[in-house]
Protein backbone atom coordinates (compact mmCIF):
# COMPACT_ATOMS: atom_id res chain seq x y z
CA MET A 1 319.88 -121.83 43.52
CA SER A 2 321.78 -121.47 47.06
CA ALA A 3 319.89 -120.11 49.96
CA ILE A 4 318.69 -116.29 49.77
CA PHE A 5 318.47 -114.70 52.95
CA GLY A 6 316.28 -111.68 52.49
CA GLU A 7 317.65 -110.64 48.72
CA LEU A 8 315.46 -108.00 47.55
CA MET A 9 314.01 -109.48 44.05
CA SER A 10 311.76 -108.41 40.76
CA PHE A 11 308.49 -110.78 40.24
CA ASP A 12 306.78 -111.10 36.79
CA GLN A 13 302.77 -111.39 37.88
CA ASP A 14 300.24 -112.38 35.10
CA LYS A 15 297.92 -109.56 35.81
CA GLY A 16 299.84 -107.04 37.44
CA PRO A 17 302.95 -105.07 37.21
CA GLU A 18 306.13 -106.15 38.75
CA VAL A 19 306.61 -106.39 42.10
CA LYS A 20 309.68 -106.27 44.23
CA LEU A 21 309.82 -108.96 47.17
CA ARG A 22 312.60 -109.91 49.86
CA VAL A 23 313.12 -113.91 49.16
CA TYR A 24 313.97 -116.37 52.31
CA GLY A 25 314.96 -119.50 51.44
CA ASP A 26 316.21 -122.08 48.25
CA GLU A 27 315.47 -123.69 44.90
CA PHE A 28 312.77 -126.10 46.92
CA TYR A 29 311.20 -124.22 49.19
CA ALA A 30 311.00 -119.98 49.42
CA ARG A 31 309.09 -117.36 51.50
CA TYR A 32 308.39 -114.17 50.08
CA GLU A 33 308.02 -110.68 52.27
CA THR A 34 306.71 -107.41 51.07
CA GLU A 35 309.60 -104.95 51.97
CA GLU A 36 307.38 -104.00 54.83
CA GLY A 37 307.17 -107.55 56.11
CA TYR A 38 303.84 -108.65 55.13
CA THR A 39 304.21 -112.43 53.98
CA ALA A 40 303.33 -112.77 50.34
CA ILE A 41 301.94 -115.59 47.70
CA TYR A 42 301.58 -116.04 44.51
CA ASP A 43 297.42 -116.39 43.97
CA GLU A 44 297.23 -118.07 40.43
CA ASP A 45 293.10 -117.48 39.99
CA LEU A 46 293.83 -113.59 40.55
CA GLY A 47 297.32 -113.67 38.40
CA LEU A 48 298.67 -111.91 40.84
CA PHE A 49 300.96 -111.40 44.50
CA THR A 50 298.20 -110.80 47.52
CA TYR A 51 299.46 -111.16 51.56
CA ALA A 52 299.33 -114.20 52.91
CA ARG A 53 297.04 -115.82 55.47
CA LEU A 54 297.84 -118.32 58.13
CA LYS A 55 295.64 -121.65 58.33
CA ASP A 56 296.37 -124.92 59.67
CA GLY A 57 300.72 -123.98 59.26
CA ARG A 58 299.79 -123.35 55.43
CA PHE A 59 299.66 -120.22 53.57
CA LEU A 60 296.14 -119.01 52.21
CA SER A 61 295.97 -116.39 49.79
CA SER A 62 294.24 -113.53 51.71
CA GLY A 63 292.99 -112.33 47.72
CA VAL A 64 294.30 -109.04 48.64
CA ASP A 65 297.23 -107.85 45.81
CA LEU A 66 300.16 -106.42 46.83
CA GLY A 67 298.98 -103.24 44.81
CA ARG A 68 296.74 -102.64 47.75
CA ALA A 69 296.88 -101.99 51.35
CA PRO A 70 297.40 -104.93 53.73
CA PRO A 71 293.97 -106.49 55.69
CA ALA A 72 294.37 -104.53 59.38
CA ASP A 73 294.90 -107.53 61.48
CA LEU A 74 297.57 -109.30 59.45
CA PRO A 75 300.64 -110.13 61.10
CA LYS A 76 304.23 -109.74 59.71
CA HIS A 77 306.63 -112.62 58.84
CA LEU A 78 304.56 -114.89 58.48
CA GLU A 79 305.64 -118.65 58.58
CA GLU A 80 304.48 -122.02 57.61
CA SER A 81 304.67 -124.87 59.55
CA ASN A 82 307.96 -127.15 59.71
CA GLU A 83 305.67 -129.74 58.38
CA VAL A 84 304.06 -128.22 55.78
CA ARG A 85 308.01 -126.93 54.38
CA MET A 86 308.90 -130.21 54.45
CA LYS A 87 306.23 -131.77 52.27
CA LYS A 88 306.91 -128.78 49.99
CA ALA A 89 310.12 -129.35 49.44
CA GLU A 90 310.42 -133.08 49.70
CA LYS A 91 307.62 -132.34 46.59
CA ARG A 92 309.96 -129.95 44.35
CA PHE A 93 313.29 -132.52 45.53
CA SER A 94 311.21 -135.36 43.73
CA ARG A 95 310.56 -133.47 40.88
CA ARG A 96 314.54 -133.09 40.10
């Protein structure tokens, strides 16, 4: 996989319909956004993509799935800290 900069892609969910998300990243680290610009992460417990919140530089699930309206106070285009991104990328790279 090469780097992707905002390409709209479809993703399956365990407990919901397919969703379309913009992807930013590569095979080692990627960030996902809704078409409206809200950052999304996959919540394994819910089996759904949810709106992401940022805490201590790391994404956390808001618990609100993308089929619903985003939380009113949620900013768009959230990004994890450089340190968090690097650690995640290194972990995935070492698995190869």
